[in-house]
Protein backbone atom coordinates (compact mmCIF):
# COMPACT_ATOMS: atom_id res chain seq x y z
CA UNK A 1 26.41 -15.64 26.32
CA UNK A 2 26.51 -12.63 28.61
CA UNK A 3 23.46 -10.79 29.76
CA UNK A 4 22.93 -7.49 31.50
CA UNK A 5 19.71 -8.90 32.98
CA UNK A 6 20.23 -9.96 36.59
CA UNK A 7 16.75 -11.38 37.14
CA UNK A 8 14.21 -12.92 34.75
CA UNK A 9 11.25 -11.78 36.79
CA UNK A 10 8.78 -9.70 34.68
CA UNK A 11 10.92 -10.06 31.52
CA UNK A 12 8.68 -10.25 28.44
CA UNK A 13 11.39 -10.43 25.75
CA UNK A 14 15.14 -10.99 25.55
CA UNK A 15 17.05 -9.45 22.63
CA UNK A 16 20.59 -10.79 22.29
CA UNK A 17 21.98 -7.96 20.13
CA UNK A 18 19.70 -5.13 21.26
CA UNK A 19 22.55 -3.23 22.90
CA UNK A 20 25.02 -3.65 20.02
CA UNK A 21 24.20 -1.61 16.87
CA UNK A 22 27.16 -3.08 14.96
CA UNK A 23 25.86 -6.62 15.45
CA UNK A 24 22.36 -5.57 14.38
CA UNK A 25 23.67 -3.98 11.18
CA UNK A 26 25.93 -6.95 10.47
CA UNK A 27 23.01 -9.36 11.00
CA UNK A 28 20.74 -7.28 8.72
CA UNK A 29 23.37 -7.13 5.97
CA UNK A 30 23.99 -10.87 6.23
CA UNK A 31 20.27 -11.60 6.06
CA UNK A 32 19.84 -9.33 3.03
CA UNK A 33 22.80 -11.01 1.28
CA UNK A 34 21.31 -14.45 1.86
CA UNK A 35 17.93 -13.34 0.48
CA UNK A 36 19.48 -11.69 -2.61
CA UNK A 37 21.63 -14.79 -3.21
CA UNK A 38 18.58 -17.01 -2.92
CA UNK A 39 16.61 -14.91 -5.40
CA UNK A 40 19.51 -14.95 -7.88
CA UNK A 41 19.82 -18.72 -7.49
CA UNK A 42 16.09 -19.18 -8.11
CA UNK A 43 16.21 -16.99 -11.24
CA UNK A 44 19.16 -18.96 -12.64
CA UNK A 45 17.44 -22.27 -11.95
CA UNK A 46 14.17 -21.18 -13.54
CA UNK A 47 15.93 -19.81 -16.62
CA UNK A 48 17.86 -23.08 -17.06
CA UNK A 49 14.70 -25.16 -16.57
CA UNK A 50 12.78 -23.19 -19.20
CA UNK A 51 15.71 -23.45 -21.65
CA UNK A 52 15.55 -27.24 -21.38
CA UNK A 53 11.89 -27.18 -22.35
CA UNK A 54 12.49 -25.18 -25.56
C-alpha cells in the first residue's frame, strides 16, 4: 500500500483513499448497495416469517 506520507511524526489520521475521488465514490456506492441489499433481505425474511404464522 503506497503512501505519500514520508514521516509519521505529527500525523493524526491516515486516509487510504483520500486522494482518489474515484475510489471514494466506488466505496460509497458499494456500501450503499450492501445496505440496500441487507434491508431488502430483512424485509423478505420478515414477510416470510409472518406468513408462516398466519
